[in-house]
Amino acid sequence: DQYWRRHMVRLLDMEAPGPGGLRQSMIDGFNSGFAYAGRLHRQCNS
């Protein structure tokens, strides 16, 4: 299930299509958010 990741890729394509600081910061933000959710939620529940 890559639903949200696909939206992130689309956002990158629109807002930071080439290499640079904004693109890297957006990627770092996405990865940081992903890691945070994994630490906070260890099981799928309500």
ModelCIF file with pLDDT and N, C-alpha, C, O atoms, coordinates in Angstrom:
data_MODEL
#
_entry.id   MODEL 
#
_entity.id                         1 
_entity.type                       polymer 
_entity.pdbx_number_of_molecules   1 
#
_entity_poly.entity_id                      1 
_entity_poly.type                           'polypeptide(L)' 
_entity_poly.nstd_linkage                   no 
_entity_poly.nstd_monomer                   no 
_entity_poly.pdbx_seq_one_letter_code       DQYWRRHMVRLLDMEAPGPGGLRQSMIDGFNSGFAYAGRLHRQCNS 
_entity_poly.pdbx_seq_one_letter_code_can   DQYWRRHMVRLLDMEAPGPGGLRQSMIDGFNSGFAYAGRLHRQCNS 
_entity_poly.pdbx_strand_id                 A 
#
loop_
_entity_poly_seq.entity_id 
_entity_poly_seq.num 
_entity_poly_seq.mon_id 
_entity_poly_seq.hetero 
1 1  ASP n 
1 2  GLN n 
1 3  TYR n 
1 4  TRP n 
1 5  ARG n 
1 6  ARG n 
1 7  HIS n 
1 8  MET n 
1 9  VAL n 
1 10 ARG n 
1 11 LEU n 
1 12 LEU n 
1 13 ASP n 
1 14 MET n 
1 15 GLU n 
1 16 ALA n 
1 17 PRO n 
1 18 GLY n 
1 19 PRO n 
1 20 GLY n 
1 21 GLY n 
1 22 LEU n 
1 23 ARG n 
1 24 GLN n 
1 25 SER n 
1 26 MET n 
1 27 ILE n 
1 28 ASP n 
1 29 GLY n 
1 30 PHE n 
1 31 ASN n 
1 32 SER n 
1 33 GLY n 
1 34 PHE n 
1 35 ALA n 
1 36 TYR n 
1 37 ALA n 
1 38 GLY n 
1 39 ARG n 
1 40 LEU n 
1 41 HIS n 
1 42 ARG n 
1 43 GLN n 
1 44 CYS n 
1 45 ASN n 
1 46 SER n 
#
_struct_asym.id          A 
_struct_asym.entity_id   1 
#
loop_
_ma_qa_metric.id 
_ma_qa_metric.mode 
_ma_qa_metric.name 
_ma_qa_metric.software_group_id 
_ma_qa_metric.type 
1 global pLDDT . pLDDT 
2 local  pLDDT . pLDDT 
#
_ma_qa_metric_global.metric_id      1 
_ma_qa_metric_global.metric_value   95.91 
_ma_qa_metric_global.model_id       1 
_ma_qa_metric_global.ordinal_id     1 
#
loop_
_ma_qa_metric_local.label_asym_id 
_ma_qa_metric_local.label_comp_id 
_ma_qa_metric_local.label_seq_id 
_ma_qa_metric_local.metric_id 
_ma_qa_metric_local.metric_value 
_ma_qa_metric_local.model_id 
_ma_qa_metric_local.ordinal_id 
A ASP 1  2 96.00 1 1  
A GLN 2  2 96.00 1 2  
A TYR 3  2 95.00 1 3  
A TRP 4  2 96.00 1 4  
A ARG 5  2 97.00 1 5  
A ARG 6  2 97.00 1 6  
A HIS 7  2 95.00 1 7  
A MET 8  2 97.00 1 8  
A VAL 9  2 97.00 1 9  
A ARG 10 2 95.00 1 10 
A LEU 11 2 94.00 1 11 
A LEU 12 2 96.00 1 12 
A ASP 13 2 95.00 1 13 
A MET 14 2 90.00 1 14 
A GLU 15 2 91.00 1 15 
A ALA 16 2 93.00 1 16 
A PRO 17 2 93.00 1 17 
A GLY 18 2 92.00 1 18 
A PRO 19 2 93.00 1 19 
A GLY 20 2 92.00 1 20 
A GLY 21 2 93.00 1 21 
A LEU 22 2 94.00 1 22 
A ARG 23 2 96.00 1 23 
A GLN 24 2 97.00 1 24 
A SER 25 2 97.00 1 25 
A MET 26 2 97.00 1 26 
A ILE 27 2 98.00 1 27 
A ASP 28 2 98.00 1 28 
A GLY 29 2 98.00 1 29 
A PHE 30 2 98.00 1 30 
A ASN 31 2 98.00 1 31 
A SER 32 2 98.00 1 32 
A GLY 33 2 98.00 1 33 
A PHE 34 2 98.00 1 34 
A ALA 35 2 98.00 1 35 
A TYR 36 2 98.00 1 36 
A ALA 37 2 98.00 1 37 
A GLY 38 2 96.00 1 38 
A ARG 39 2 97.00 1 39 
A LEU 40 2 96.00 1 40 
A HIS 41 2 97.00 1 41 
A ARG 42 2 96.00 1 42 
A GLN 43 2 97.00 1 43 
A CYS 44 2 97.00 1 44 
A ASN 45 2 97.00 1 45 
A SER 46 2 97.00 1 46 
#
loop_
_atom_site.group_PDB 
_atom_site.id 
_atom_site.type_symbol 
_atom_site.label_atom_id 
_atom_site.label_alt_id 
_atom_site.label_comp_id 
_atom_site.label_asym_id 
_atom_site.label_entity_id 
_atom_site.label_seq_id 
_atom_site.pdbx_PDB_ins_code 
_atom_site.Cartn_x 
_atom_site.Cartn_y 
_atom_site.Cartn_z 
_atom_site.occupancy 
_atom_site.B_iso_or_equiv 
_atom_site.pdbx_formal_charge 
_atom_site.auth_seq_id 
_atom_site.auth_comp_id 
_atom_site.auth_asym_id 
_atom_site.auth_atom_id 
_atom_site.pdbx_PDB_model_num 
ATOM 1   N N  . ASP A 1 1  ? 0.853  -1.195 0.000   1.00 96.00 ? 1  ASP A N  1 
ATOM 2   C CA . ASP A 1 1  ? 0.000  0.000  0.000   1.00 96.00 ? 1  ASP A CA 1 
ATOM 3   C C  . ASP A 1 1  ? 0.887  1.244  0.000   1.00 96.00 ? 1  ASP A C  1 
ATOM 4   O O  . ASP A 1 1  ? 1.425  1.639  1.035   1.00 96.00 ? 1  ASP A O  1 
ATOM 5   N N  . GLN A 1 2  ? 1.027  1.833  -1.142  1.00 96.00 ? 2  GLN A N  1 
ATOM 6   C CA . GLN A 1 2  ? 1.880  3.005  -1.317  1.00 96.00 ? 2  GLN A CA 1 
ATOM 7   C C  . GLN A 1 2  ? 1.061  4.270  -1.579  1.00 96.00 ? 2  GLN A C  1 
ATOM 8   O O  . GLN A 1 2  ? 1.536  5.212  -2.214  1.00 96.00 ? 2  GLN A O  1 
ATOM 9   N N  . TYR A 1 3  ? -0.165 4.273  -1.082  1.00 95.00 ? 3  TYR A N  1 
ATOM 10  C CA . TYR A 1 3  ? -1.088 5.369  -1.346  1.00 95.00 ? 3  TYR A CA 1 
ATOM 11  C C  . TYR A 1 3  ? -0.478 6.726  -1.006  1.00 95.00 ? 3  TYR A C  1 
ATOM 12  O O  . TYR A 1 3  ? -0.404 7.594  -1.876  1.00 95.00 ? 3  TYR A O  1 
ATOM 13  N N  . TRP A 1 4  ? -0.041 6.930  0.232   1.00 96.00 ? 4  TRP A N  1 
ATOM 14  C CA . TRP A 1 4  ? 0.485  8.236  0.644   1.00 96.00 ? 4  TRP A CA 1 
ATOM 15  C C  . TRP A 1 4  ? 1.834  8.526  -0.005  1.00 96.00 ? 4  TRP A C  1 
ATOM 16  O O  . TRP A 1 4  ? 2.146  9.680  -0.299  1.00 96.00 ? 4  TRP A O  1 
ATOM 17  N N  . ARG A 1 5  ? 2.623  7.504  -0.226  1.00 97.00 ? 5  ARG A N  1 
ATOM 18  C CA . ARG A 1 5  ? 3.911  7.708  -0.879  1.00 97.00 ? 5  ARG A CA 1 
ATOM 19  C C  . ARG A 1 5  ? 3.717  8.222  -2.305  1.00 97.00 ? 5  ARG A C  1 
ATOM 20  O O  . ARG A 1 5  ? 4.467  9.084  -2.763  1.00 97.00 ? 5  ARG A O  1 
ATOM 21  N N  . ARG A 1 6  ? 2.724  7.700  -2.998  1.00 97.00 ? 6  ARG A N  1 
ATOM 22  C CA . ARG A 1 6  ? 2.440  8.191  -4.354  1.00 97.00 ? 6  ARG A CA 1 
ATOM 23  C C  . ARG A 1 6  ? 2.097  9.681  -4.337  1.00 97.00 ? 6  ARG A C  1 
ATOM 24  O O  . ARG A 1 6  ? 2.490  10.428 -5.234  1.00 97.00 ? 6  ARG A O  1 
ATOM 25  N N  . HIS A 1 7  ? 1.365  10.100 -3.315  1.00 95.00 ? 7  HIS A N  1 
ATOM 26  C CA . HIS A 1 7  ? 1.060  11.530 -3.206  1.00 95.00 ? 7  HIS A CA 1 
ATOM 27  C C  . HIS A 1 7  ? 2.314  12.344 -2.916  1.00 95.00 ? 7  HIS A C  1 
ATOM 28  O O  . HIS A 1 7  ? 2.456  13.471 -3.389  1.00 95.00 ? 7  HIS A O  1 
ATOM 29  N N  . MET A 1 8  ? 3.214  11.767 -2.141  1.00 97.00 ? 8  MET A N  1 
ATOM 30  C CA . MET A 1 8  ? 4.474  12.453 -1.869  1.00 97.00 ? 8  MET A CA 1 
ATOM 31  C C  . MET A 1 8  ? 5.293  12.591 -3.147  1.00 97.00 ? 8  MET A C  1 
ATOM 32  O O  . MET A 1 8  ? 5.860  13.652 -3.409  1.00 97.00 ? 8  MET A O  1 
ATOM 33  N N  . VAL A 1 9  ? 5.356  11.544 -3.931  1.00 97.00 ? 9  VAL A N  1 
ATOM 34  C CA . VAL A 1 9  ? 6.097  11.597 -5.197  1.00 97.00 ? 9  VAL A CA 1 
ATOM 35  C C  . VAL A 1 9  ? 5.501  12.667 -6.107  1.00 97.00 ? 9  VAL A C  1 
ATOM 36  O O  . VAL A 1 9  ? 6.229  13.421 -6.754  1.00 97.00 ? 9  VAL A O  1 
ATOM 37  N N  . ARG A 1 10 ? 4.195  12.725 -6.149  1.00 95.00 ? 10 ARG A N  1 
ATOM 38  C CA . ARG A 1 10 ? 3.523  13.744 -6.964  1.00 95.00 ? 10 ARG A CA 1 
ATOM 39  C C  . ARG A 1 10 ? 3.843  15.154 -6.455  1.00 95.00 ? 10 ARG A C  1 
ATOM 40  O O  . ARG A 1 10 ? 4.095  16.061 -7.249  1.00 95.00 ? 10 ARG A O  1 
ATOM 41  N N  . LEU A 1 11 ? 3.832  15.332 -5.146  1.00 94.00 ? 11 LEU A N  1 
ATOM 42  C CA . LEU A 1 11 ? 4.171  16.626 -4.557  1.00 94.00 ? 11 LEU A CA 1 
ATOM 43  C C  . LEU A 1 11 ? 5.612  17.003 -4.895  1.00 94.00 ? 11 LEU A C  1 
ATOM 44  O O  . LEU A 1 11 ? 5.885  18.152 -5.243  1.00 94.00 ? 11 LEU A O  1 
ATOM 45  N N  . LEU A 1 12 ? 6.524  16.056 -4.798  1.00 96.00 ? 12 LEU A N  1 
ATOM 46  C CA . LEU A 1 12 ? 7.922  16.308 -5.176  1.00 96.00 ? 12 LEU A CA 1 
ATOM 47  C C  . LEU A 1 12 ? 8.030  16.705 -6.643  1.00 96.00 ? 12 LEU A C  1 
ATOM 48  O O  . LEU A 1 12 ? 8.728  17.657 -6.990  1.00 96.00 ? 12 LEU A O  1 
ATOM 49  N N  . ASP A 1 13 ? 7.338  15.972 -7.491  1.00 95.00 ? 13 ASP A N  1 
ATOM 50  C CA . ASP A 1 13 ? 7.383  16.270 -8.927  1.00 95.00 ? 13 ASP A CA 1 
ATOM 51  C C  . ASP A 1 13 ? 6.913  17.680 -9.229  1.00 95.00 ? 13 ASP A C  1 
ATOM 52  O O  . ASP A 1 13 ? 7.434  18.334 -10.132 1.00 95.00 ? 13 ASP A O  1 
ATOM 53  N N  . MET A 1 14 ? 5.932  18.148 -8.477  1.00 90.00 ? 14 MET A N  1 
ATOM 54  C CA . MET A 1 14 ? 5.368  19.473 -8.723  1.00 90.00 ? 14 MET A CA 1 
ATOM 55  C C  . MET A 1 14 ? 6.179  20.591 -8.061  1.00 90.00 ? 14 MET A C  1 
ATOM 56  O O  . MET A 1 14 ? 6.393  21.643 -8.664  1.00 90.00 ? 14 MET A O  1 
ATOM 57  N N  . GLU A 1 15 ? 6.624  20.369 -6.839  1.00 91.00 ? 15 GLU A N  1 
ATOM 58  C CA . GLU A 1 15 ? 7.229  21.446 -6.060  1.00 91.00 ? 15 GLU A CA 1 
ATOM 59  C C  . GLU A 1 15 ? 8.755  21.456 -6.071  1.00 91.00 ? 15 GLU A C  1 
ATOM 60  O O  . GLU A 1 15 ? 9.368  22.505 -5.872  1.00 91.00 ? 15 GLU A O  1 
ATOM 61  N N  . ALA A 1 16 ? 9.361  20.319 -6.298  1.00 93.00 ? 16 ALA A N  1 
ATOM 62  C CA . ALA A 1 16 ? 10.825 20.247 -6.288  1.00 93.00 ? 16 ALA A CA 1 
ATOM 63  C C  . ALA A 1 16 ? 11.279 19.160 -7.254  1.00 93.00 ? 16 ALA A C  1 
ATOM 64  O O  . ALA A 1 16 ? 11.825 18.141 -6.830  1.00 93.00 ? 16 ALA A O  1 
ATOM 65  N N  . PRO A 1 17 ? 11.055 19.373 -8.562  1.00 93.00 ? 17 PRO A N  1 
ATOM 66  C CA . PRO A 1 17 ? 11.324 18.307 -9.532  1.00 93.00 ? 17 PRO A CA 1 
ATOM 67  C C  . PRO A 1 17 ? 12.802 17.972 -9.716  1.00 93.00 ? 17 PRO A C  1 
ATOM 68  O O  . PRO A 1 17 ? 13.134 16.854 -10.110 1.00 93.00 ? 17 PRO A O  1 
ATOM 69  N N  . GLY A 1 18 ? 13.669 18.898 -9.445  1.00 92.00 ? 18 GLY A N  1 
ATOM 70  C CA . GLY A 1 18 ? 15.091 18.642 -9.631  1.00 92.00 ? 18 GLY A CA 1 
ATOM 71  C C  . GLY A 1 18 ? 15.818 18.543 -8.314  1.00 92.00 ? 18 GLY A C  1 
ATOM 72  O O  . GLY A 1 18 ? 15.261 18.848 -7.259  1.00 92.00 ? 18 GLY A O  1 
ATOM 73  N N  . PRO A 1 19 ? 17.071 18.112 -8.376  1.00 93.00 ? 19 PRO A N  1 
ATOM 74  C CA . PRO A 1 19 ? 17.850 18.010 -7.152  1.00 93.00 ? 19 PRO A CA 1 
ATOM 75  C C  . PRO A 1 19 ? 18.026 19.385 -6.510  1.00 93.00 ? 19 PRO A C  1 
ATOM 76  O O  . PRO A 1 19 ? 18.051 20.409 -7.193  1.00 93.00 ? 19 PRO A O  1 
ATOM 77  N N  . GLY A 1 20 ? 18.146 19.382 -5.206  1.00 92.00 ? 20 GLY A N  1 
ATOM 78  C CA . GLY A 1 20 ? 18.359 20.639 -4.506  1.00 92.00 ? 20 GLY A CA 1 
ATOM 79  C C  . GLY A 1 20 ? 17.919 20.548 -3.063  1.00 92.00 ? 20 GLY A C  1 
ATOM 80  O O  . GLY A 1 20 ? 17.446 19.511 -2.597  1.00 92.00 ? 20 GLY A O  1 
ATOM 81  N N  . GLY A 1 21 ? 18.084 21.649 -2.372  1.00 93.00 ? 21 GLY A N  1 
ATOM 82  C CA . GLY A 1 21 ? 17.804 21.687 -0.944  1.00 93.00 ? 21 GLY A CA 1 
ATOM 83  C C  . GLY A 1 21 ? 16.349 21.444 -0.598  1.00 93.00 ? 21 GLY A C  1 
ATOM 84  O O  . GLY A 1 21 ? 16.061 20.711 0.348   1.00 93.00 ? 21 GLY A O  1 
ATOM 85  N N  . LEU A 1 22 ? 15.418 22.044 -1.343  1.00 94.00 ? 22 LEU A N  1 
ATOM 86  C CA . LEU A 1 22 ? 14.006 21.850 -1.030  1.00 94.00 ? 22 LEU A CA 1 
ATOM 87  C C  . LEU A 1 22 ? 13.617 20.389 -1.209  1.00 94.00 ? 22 LEU A C  1 
ATOM 88  O O  . LEU A 1 22 ? 12.970 19.811 -0.336  1.00 94.00 ? 22 LEU A O  1 
ATOM 89  N N  . ARG A 1 23 ? 13.997 19.794 -2.314  1.00 96.00 ? 23 ARG A N  1 
ATOM 90  C CA . ARG A 1 23 ? 13.654 18.390 -2.563  1.00 96.00 ? 23 ARG A CA 1 
ATOM 91  C C  . ARG A 1 23 ? 14.206 17.498 -1.460  1.00 96.00 ? 23 ARG A C  1 
ATOM 92  O O  . ARG A 1 23 ? 13.498 16.631 -0.947  1.00 96.00 ? 23 ARG A O  1 
ATOM 93  N N  . GLN A 1 24 ? 15.464 17.706 -1.095  1.00 97.00 ? 24 GLN A N  1 
ATOM 94  C CA . GLN A 1 24 ? 16.074 16.869 -0.057  1.00 97.00 ? 24 GLN A CA 1 
ATOM 95  C C  . GLN A 1 24 ? 15.391 17.090 1.285   1.00 97.00 ? 24 GLN A C  1 
ATOM 96  O O  . GLN A 1 24 ? 15.192 16.138 2.039   1.00 97.00 ? 24 GLN A O  1 
ATOM 97  N N  . SER A 1 25 ? 15.033 18.320 1.592   1.00 97.00 ? 25 SER A N  1 
ATOM 98  C CA . SER A 1 25 ? 14.340 18.601 2.853   1.00 97.00 ? 25 SER A CA 1 
ATOM 99  C C  . SER A 1 25 ? 12.965 17.948 2.879   1.00 97.00 ? 25 SER A C  1 
ATOM 100 O O  . SER A 1 25 ? 12.530 17.452 3.918   1.00 97.00 ? 25 SER A O  1 
ATOM 101 N N  . MET A 1 26 ? 12.286 17.947 1.747   1.00 97.00 ? 26 MET A N  1 
ATOM 102 C CA . MET A 1 26 ? 10.983 17.289 1.674   1.00 97.00 ? 26 MET A CA 1 
ATOM 103 C C  . MET A 1 26 ? 11.128 15.775 1.854   1.00 97.00 ? 26 MET A C  1 
ATOM 104 O O  . MET A 1 26 ? 10.341 15.161 2.574   1.00 97.00 ? 26 MET A O  1 
ATOM 105 N N  . ILE A 1 27 ? 12.111 15.182 1.214   1.00 98.00 ? 27 ILE A N  1 
ATOM 106 C CA . ILE A 1 27 ? 12.358 13.739 1.351   1.00 98.00 ? 27 ILE A CA 1 
ATOM 107 C C  . ILE A 1 27 ? 12.714 13.413 2.799   1.00 98.00 ? 27 ILE A C  1 
ATOM 108 O O  . ILE A 1 27 ? 12.207 12.447 3.370   1.00 98.00 ? 27 ILE A O  1 
ATOM 109 N N  . ASP A 1 28 ? 13.592 14.229 3.385   1.00 98.00 ? 28 ASP A N  1 
ATOM 110 C CA . ASP A 1 28 ? 13.966 14.006 4.785   1.00 98.00 ? 28 ASP A CA 1 
ATOM 111 C C  . ASP A 1 28 ? 12.749 14.126 5.702   1.00 98.00 ? 28 ASP A C  1 
ATOM 112 O O  . ASP A 1 28 ? 12.600 13.348 6.645   1.00 98.00 ? 28 ASP A O  1 
ATOM 113 N N  . GLY A 1 29 ? 11.879 15.100 5.426   1.00 98.00 ? 29 GLY A N  1 
ATOM 114 C CA . GLY A 1 29 ? 10.668 15.266 6.218   1.00 98.00 ? 29 GLY A CA 1 
ATOM 115 C C  . GLY A 1 29 ? 9.751  14.056 6.112   1.00 98.00 ? 29 GLY A C  1 
ATOM 116 O O  . GLY A 1 29 ? 9.233  13.578 7.121   1.00 98.00 ? 29 GLY A O  1 
ATOM 117 N N  . PHE A 1 30 ? 9.550  13.562 4.900   1.00 98.00 ? 30 PHE A N  1 
ATOM 118 C CA . PHE A 1 30 ? 8.716  12.379 4.693   1.00 98.00 ? 30 PHE A CA 1 
ATOM 119 C C  . PHE A 1 30 ? 9.296  11.182 5.443   1.00 98.00 ? 30 PHE A C  1 
ATOM 120 O O  . PHE A 1 30 ? 8.574  10.482 6.152   1.00 98.00 ? 30 PHE A O  1 
ATOM 121 N N  . ASN A 1 31 ? 10.588 10.950 5.290   1.00 98.00 ? 31 ASN A N  1 
ATOM 122 C CA . ASN A 1 31 ? 11.229 9.813  5.951   1.00 98.00 ? 31 ASN A CA 1 
ATOM 123 C C  . ASN A 1 31 ? 11.183 9.948  7.474   1.00 98.00 ? 31 ASN A C  1 
ATOM 124 O O  . ASN A 1 31 ? 10.988 8.960  8.180   1.00 98.00 ? 31 ASN A O  1 
ATOM 125 N N  . SER A 1 32 ? 11.361 11.157 7.972   1.00 98.00 ? 32 SER A N  1 
ATOM 126 C CA . SER A 1 32 ? 11.280 11.398 9.409   1.00 98.00 ? 32 SER A CA 1 
ATOM 127 C C  . SER A 1 32 ? 9.870  11.125 9.923   1.00 98.00 ? 32 SER A C  1 
ATOM 128 O O  . SER A 1 32 ? 9.698  10.500 10.970  1.00 98.00 ? 32 SER A O  1 
ATOM 129 N N  . GLY A 1 33 ? 8.866  11.589 9.192   1.00 98.00 ? 33 GLY A N  1 
ATOM 130 C CA . GLY A 1 33 ? 7.483  11.329 9.580   1.00 98.00 ? 33 GLY A CA 1 
ATOM 131 C C  . GLY A 1 33 ? 7.158  9.846  9.572   1.00 98.00 ? 33 GLY A C  1 
ATOM 132 O O  . GLY A 1 33 ? 6.474  9.349  10.467  1.00 98.00 ? 33 GLY A O  1 
ATOM 133 N N  . PHE A 1 34 ? 7.650  9.141  8.560   1.00 98.00 ? 34 PHE A N  1 
ATOM 134 C CA . PHE A 1 34 ? 7.442  7.699  8.463   1.00 98.00 ? 34 PHE A CA 1 
ATOM 135 C C  . PHE A 1 34 ? 8.051  6.998  9.681   1.00 98.00 ? 34 PHE A C  1 
ATOM 136 O O  . PHE A 1 34 ? 7.408  6.151  10.301  1.00 98.00 ? 34 PHE A O  1 
ATOM 137 N N  . ALA A 1 35 ? 9.289  7.356  10.017  1.00 98.00 ? 35 ALA A N  1 
ATOM 138 C CA . ALA A 1 35 ? 9.967  6.738  11.159  1.00 98.00 ? 35 ALA A CA 1 
ATOM 139 C C  . ALA A 1 35 ? 9.239  7.057  12.466  1.00 98.00 ? 35 ALA A C  1 
ATOM 140 O O  . ALA A 1 35 ? 9.099  6.192  13.330  1.00 98.00 ? 35 ALA A O  1 
ATOM 141 N N  . TYR A 1 36 ? 8.779  8.297  12.606  1.00 98.00 ? 36 TYR A N  1 
ATOM 142 C CA . TYR A 1 36 ? 8.056  8.692  13.802  1.00 98.00 ? 36 TYR A CA 1 
ATOM 143 C C  . TYR A 1 36 ? 6.794  7.845  13.983  1.00 98.00 ? 36 TYR A C  1 
ATOM 144 O O  . TYR A 1 36 ? 6.532  7.344  15.077  1.00 98.00 ? 36 TYR A O  1 
ATOM 145 N N  . ALA A 1 37 ? 6.025  7.690  12.926  1.00 98.00 ? 37 ALA A N  1 
ATOM 146 C CA . ALA A 1 37 ? 4.802  6.885  12.999  1.00 98.00 ? 37 ALA A CA 1 
ATOM 147 C C  . ALA A 1 37 ? 5.125  5.444  13.384  1.00 98.00 ? 37 ALA A C  1 
ATOM 148 O O  . ALA A 1 37 ? 4.382  4.816  14.138  1.00 98.00 ? 37 ALA A O  1 
ATOM 149 N N  . GLY A 1 38 ? 6.233  4.924  12.864  1.00 96.00 ? 38 GLY A N  1 
ATOM 150 C CA . GLY A 1 38 ? 6.627  3.554  13.192  1.00 96.00 ? 38 GLY A CA 1 
ATOM 151 C C  . GLY A 1 38 ? 7.022  3.386  14.651  1.00 96.00 ? 38 GLY A C  1 
ATOM 152 O O  . GLY A 1 38 ? 6.774  2.340  15.252  1.00 96.00 ? 38 GLY A O  1 
ATOM 153 N N  . ARG A 1 39 ? 7.635  4.414  15.218  1.00 97.00 ? 39 ARG A N  1 
ATOM 154 C CA . ARG A 1 39 ? 7.991  4.349  16.641  1.00 97.00 ? 39 ARG A CA 1 
ATOM 155 C C  . ARG A 1 39 ? 6.756  4.502  17.530  1.00 97.00 ? 39 ARG A C  1 
ATOM 156 O O  . ARG A 1 39 ? 6.660  3.869  18.581  1.00 97.00 ? 39 ARG A O  1 
ATOM 157 N N  . LEU A 1 40 ? 5.834  5.326  17.114  1.00 96.00 ? 40 LEU A N  1 
ATOM 158 C CA . LEU A 1 40 ? 4.659  5.626  17.923  1.00 96.00 ? 40 LEU A CA 1 
ATOM 159 C C  . LEU A 1 40 ? 3.594  4.535  17.838  1.00 96.00 ? 40 LEU A C  1 
ATOM 160 O O  . LEU A 1 40 ? 2.932  4.236  18.832  1.00 96.00 ? 40 LEU A O  1 
ATOM 161 N N  . HIS A 1 41 ? 3.431  3.951  16.681  1.00 97.00 ? 41 HIS A N  1 
ATOM 162 C CA . HIS A 1 41 ? 2.384  2.941  16.463  1.00 97.00 ? 41 HIS A CA 1 
ATOM 163 C C  . HIS A 1 41 ? 3.033  1.634  16.050  1.00 97.00 ? 41 HIS A C  1 
ATOM 164 O O  . HIS A 1 41 ? 3.573  1.512  14.951  1.00 97.00 ? 41 HIS A O  1 
ATOM 165 N N  . ARG A 1 42 ? 2.974  0.675  16.931  1.00 96.00 ? 42 ARG A N  1 
ATOM 166 C CA . ARG A 1 42 ? 3.595  -0.629 16.670  1.00 96.00 ? 42 ARG A CA 1 
ATOM 167 C C  . ARG A 1 42 ? 2.588  -1.667 16.177  1.00 96.00 ? 42 ARG A C  1 
ATOM 168 O O  . ARG A 1 42 ? 2.979  -2.735 15.706  1.00 96.00 ? 42 ARG A O  1 
ATOM 169 N N  . GLN A 1 43 ? 1.317  -1.363 16.281  1.00 97.00 ? 43 GLN A N  1 
ATOM 170 C CA . GLN A 1 43 ? 0.287  -2.270 15.777  1.00 97.00 ? 43 GLN A CA 1 
ATOM 171 C C  . GLN A 1 43 ? -0.864 -1.461 15.205  1.00 97.00 ? 43 GLN A C  1 
ATOM 172 O O  . GLN A 1 43 ? -1.125 -0.329 15.615  1.00 97.00 ? 43 GLN A O  1 
ATOM 173 N N  . CYS A 1 44 ? -1.539 -2.073 14.252  1.00 97.00 ? 44 CYS A N  1 
ATOM 174 C CA . CYS A 1 44 ? -2.688 -1.425 13.636  1.00 97.00 ? 44 CYS A CA 1 
ATOM 175 C C  . CYS A 1 44 ? -3.888 -1.619 14.559  1.00 97.00 ? 44 CYS A C  1 
ATOM 176 O O  . CYS A 1 44 ? -4.397 -2.728 14.725  1.00 97.00 ? 44 CYS A O  1 
ATOM 177 N N  . ASN A 1 45 ? -4.314 -0.534 15.140  1.00 97.00 ? 45 ASN A N  1 
ATOM 178 C CA . ASN A 1 45 ? -5.474 -0.564 16.029  1.00 97.00 ? 45 ASN A CA 1 
ATOM 179 C C  . ASN A 1 45 ? -6.249 0.736  15.838  1.00 97.00 ? 45 ASN A C  1 
ATOM 180 O O  . ASN A 1 45 ? -5.926 1.541  14.964  1.00 97.00 ? 45 ASN A O  1 
ATOM 181 N N  . SER A 1 46 ? -7.263 0.930  16.656  1.00 97.00 ? 46 SER A N  1 
ATOM 182 C CA . SER A 1 46 ? -8.089 2.124  16.485  1.00 97.00 ? 46 SER A CA 1 
ATOM 183 C C  . SER A 1 46 ? -7.290 3.408  16.701  1.00 97.00 ? 46 SER A C  1 
ATOM 184 O O  . SER A 1 46 ? -7.841 4.504  16.593  1.00 97.00 ? 46 SER A O  1 
#
